[in-house]
Amino acid sequence: MKAAARLQLIKDEWEEASLAEKDDALVYNRKLWSILVTSATSQENELPQGIKNNIASLGVFVFKQTMSVMTTDDANKLNSLISINRAIAEGLRARPQAE
């Protein structure tokens, strides 16, 4: 949730935020996704291959979208990154239902 909150803050204050502040939020998010993708797709991870592939694809999208934000200076492109981060965080926080 921290990455999503940082991106939301930058989006909300886009015009006032410095390039360094924008870069810090985007780099933090990219590092988080690098760790997530590396961990989720490792051979040691017991996730089904389909889920590993989906996480890898999502990671590629996040990296491309991050580069797009950096090169176009378009705050609206943060919307998808914020939504993805929030959805992943909510999913990770969810407790499995007892059967």
Foldseek 3Di string as FASTA:
>chain_A
DVLLVLLVVCLVCVVPDDPVSLVVSLVVLLVVLVVVLCVCQDPPHPDPPVVNVVSVVVNVVSVVLSVVCNVVVDSVSCVVVSVVVVVVVVVVPDDDDDD
